C-alpha atoms as a PDB file:
ATOM      1  CA  UNK A   1     119.262 121.745  92.087  1.00  0.00           C
ATOM      2  CA  UNK A   2     116.879 119.548  90.389  1.00  0.00           C
ATOM      3  CA  UNK A   3     113.291 121.263  89.223  1.00  0.00           C
ATOM      4  CA  UNK A   4     110.592 119.020  88.353  1.00  0.00           C
ATOM      5  CA  UNK A   5     107.436 119.897  86.025  1.00  0.00           C
ATOM      6  CA  UNK A   6     104.423 118.076  84.816  1.00  0.00           C
ATOM      7  CA  UNK A   7     104.864 116.006  81.494  1.00  0.00           C
ATOM      8  CA  UNK A   8     102.650 116.842  78.516  1.00  0.00           C
ATOM      9  CA  UNK A   9     101.123 113.545  78.159  1.00  0.00           C
ATOM     10  CA  UNK A  10      98.540 113.613  81.251  1.00  0.00           C
ATOM     11  CA  UNK A  11      95.226 115.724  81.304  1.00  0.00           C
ATOM     12  CA  UNK A  12      93.245 116.053  84.481  1.00  0.00           C
ATOM     13  CA  UNK A  13      89.968 117.220  86.013  1.00  0.00           C
ATOM     14  CA  UNK A  14      88.529 117.314  89.444  1.00  0.00           C
ATOM     15  CA  UNK A  15      86.014 114.628  90.333  1.00  0.00           C
ATOM     16  CA  UNK A  16      84.541 114.706  93.651  1.00  0.00           C
ATOM     17  CA  UNK A  17      87.299 114.736  96.130  1.00  0.00           C
ATOM     18  CA  UNK A  18      89.775 113.862  93.874  1.00  0.00           C
ATOM     19  CA  UNK A  19      92.016 115.144  90.976  1.00  0.00           C
ATOM     20  CA  UNK A  20      91.943 112.382  88.086  1.00  0.00           C
ATOM     21  CA  UNK A  21      94.390 112.350  85.495  1.00  0.00           C
ATOM     22  CA  UNK A  22      94.232 110.667  82.277  1.00  0.00           C
ATOM     23  CA  UNK A  23      97.165 109.491  80.049  1.00  0.00           C
ATOM     24  CA  UNK A  24      96.378 110.676  76.601  1.00  0.00           C
ATOM     25  CA  UNK A  25      98.286 108.226  74.629  1.00  0.00           C
ATOM     26  CA  UNK A  26      97.730 104.959  77.105  1.00  0.00           C
ATOM     27  CA  UNK A  27      94.540 105.638  78.463  1.00  0.00           C
ATOM     28  CA  UNK A  28      95.337 105.000  81.856  1.00  0.00           C
ATOM     29  CA  UNK A  29      93.980 107.100  84.817  1.00  0.00           C
ATOM     30  CA  UNK A  30      95.444 108.034  88.193  1.00  0.00           C
ATOM     31  CA  UNK A  31      93.450 109.702  91.210  1.00  0.00           C
ATOM     32  CA  UNK A  32      95.653 112.212  93.044  1.00  0.00           C
ATOM     33  CA  UNK A  33      94.721 112.947  96.743  1.00  0.00           C
ATOM     34  CA  UNK A  34      94.831 116.584  98.029  1.00  0.00           C
ATOM     35  CA  UNK A  35      98.507 116.410  98.798  1.00  0.00           C
ATOM     36  CA  UNK A  36      99.560 115.088  95.522  1.00  0.00           C
ATOM     37  CA  UNK A  37      97.093 117.450  93.845  1.00  0.00           C
ATOM     38  CA  UNK A  38      98.723 120.253  95.646  1.00  0.00           C
ATOM     39  CA  UNK A  39     101.931 119.195  94.537  1.00  0.00           C
ATOM     40  CA  UNK A  40     100.413 118.649  90.919  1.00  0.00           C
ATOM     41  CA  UNK A  41      99.163 122.508  90.902  1.00  0.00           C
ATOM     42  CA  UNK A  42     102.542 123.629  91.556  1.00  0.00           C
ATOM     43  CA  UNK A  43     104.410 121.694  88.943  1.00  0.00           C
ATOM     44  CA  UNK A  44     102.516 123.574  86.152  1.00  0.00           C
ATOM     45  CA  UNK A  45     105.953 125.384  86.034  1.00  0.00           C
ATOM     46  CA  UNK A  46     109.221 123.903  86.894  1.00  0.00           C
ATOM     47  CA  UNK A  47     109.789 123.967  90.813  1.00  0.00           C
ATOM     48  CA  UNK A  48     112.329 122.698  93.080  1.00  0.00           C
ATOM     49  CA  UNK A  49     111.467 120.456  95.835  1.00  0.00           C
ATOM     50  CA  UNK A  50     112.148 123.039  98.383  1.00  0.00           C
ATOM     51  CA  UNK A  51     109.786 125.533  96.317  1.00  0.00           C
ATOM     52  CA  UNK A  52     107.056 123.323  96.514  1.00  0.00           C
ATOM     53  CA  UNK A  53     107.459 122.644 100.340  1.00  0.00           C
ATOM     54  CA  UNK A  54     107.728 126.385 100.767  1.00  0.00           C
ATOM     55  CA  UNK A  55     104.241 126.564  99.244  1.00  0.00           C
ATOM     56  CA  UNK A  56     102.758 123.723 101.117  1.00  0.00           C
ATOM     57  CA  UNK A  57     103.936 124.819 104.545  1.00  0.00           C
ATOM     58  CA  UNK A  58     102.036 127.878 104.104  1.00  0.00           C
ATOM     59  CA  UNK A  59      98.996 126.481 102.319  1.00  0.00           C
ATOM     60  CA  UNK A  60      98.611 123.465 104.961  1.00  0.00           C
ATOM     61  CA  UNK A  61     100.129 125.183 108.228  1.00  0.00           C
ATOM     62  CA  UNK A  62     102.167 121.695 108.473  1.00  0.00           C
ATOM     63  CA  UNK A  63     105.557 121.225 110.016  1.00  0.00           C
ATOM     64  CA  UNK A  64     108.298 121.527 107.337  1.00  0.00           C
ATOM     65  CA  UNK A  65     110.036 118.189 108.091  1.00  0.00           C
ATOM     66  CA  UNK A  66     106.732 116.522 107.789  1.00  0.00           C
ATOM     67  CA  UNK A  67     105.848 118.495 104.382  1.00  0.00           C
ATOM     68  CA  UNK A  68     109.561 117.284 103.244  1.00  0.00           C
ATOM     69  CA  UNK A  69     109.293 113.905 103.619  1.00  0.00           C
ATOM     70  CA  UNK A  70     105.477 114.046 101.962  1.00  0.00           C
ATOM     71  CA  UNK A  71     106.819 115.694  98.916  1.00  0.00           C
ATOM     72  CA  UNK A  72     109.823 113.479  98.134  1.00  0.00           C
ATOM     73  CA  UNK A  73     107.958 110.568  98.664  1.00  0.00           C
ATOM     74  CA  UNK A  74     104.997 111.958  96.379  1.00  0.00           C
ATOM     75  CA  UNK A  75     107.602 113.443  93.974  1.00  0.00           C
ATOM     76  CA  UNK A  76     109.328 109.977  93.725  1.00  0.00           C
ATOM     77  CA  UNK A  77     106.235 108.116  92.952  1.00  0.00           C
ATOM     78  CA  UNK A  78     104.989 110.907  90.473  1.00  0.00           C
ATOM     79  CA  UNK A  79     108.417 110.355  88.688  1.00  0.00           C
ATOM     80  CA  UNK A  80     108.131 106.717  88.537  1.00  0.00           C
ATOM     81  CA  UNK A  81     104.428 106.740  87.103  1.00  0.00           C
ATOM     82  CA  UNK A  82     105.745 109.602  84.771  1.00  0.00           C
ATOM     83  CA  UNK A  83     103.498 112.176  85.801  1.00  0.00           C
ATOM     84  CA  UNK A  84     106.386 114.683  86.370  1.00  0.00           C
ATOM     85  CA  UNK A  85     109.880 114.936  85.208  1.00  0.00           C
ATOM     86  CA  UNK A  86     113.124 116.856  85.864  1.00  0.00           C
ATOM     87  CA  UNK A  87     112.991 120.011  83.827  1.00  0.00           C
END
């Protein structure tokens, strides 16, 4: 099973209602919503999609199927943006 983790080229900070990440080398930035921030927080250490979903279902009291879809979509975008990568 694939584990994902943060890449080491981004640094971030909470700014108002968003978590903002800055690419160290390129200077690009991304603002994460609450769901993406929760996923980002869990990927400080390698995690499978199921492990992320397990944590978020408890934290946000959401249905598992809806959470799985949101996590899969968000992770796909994060991988494309090189925020996270398979560990």
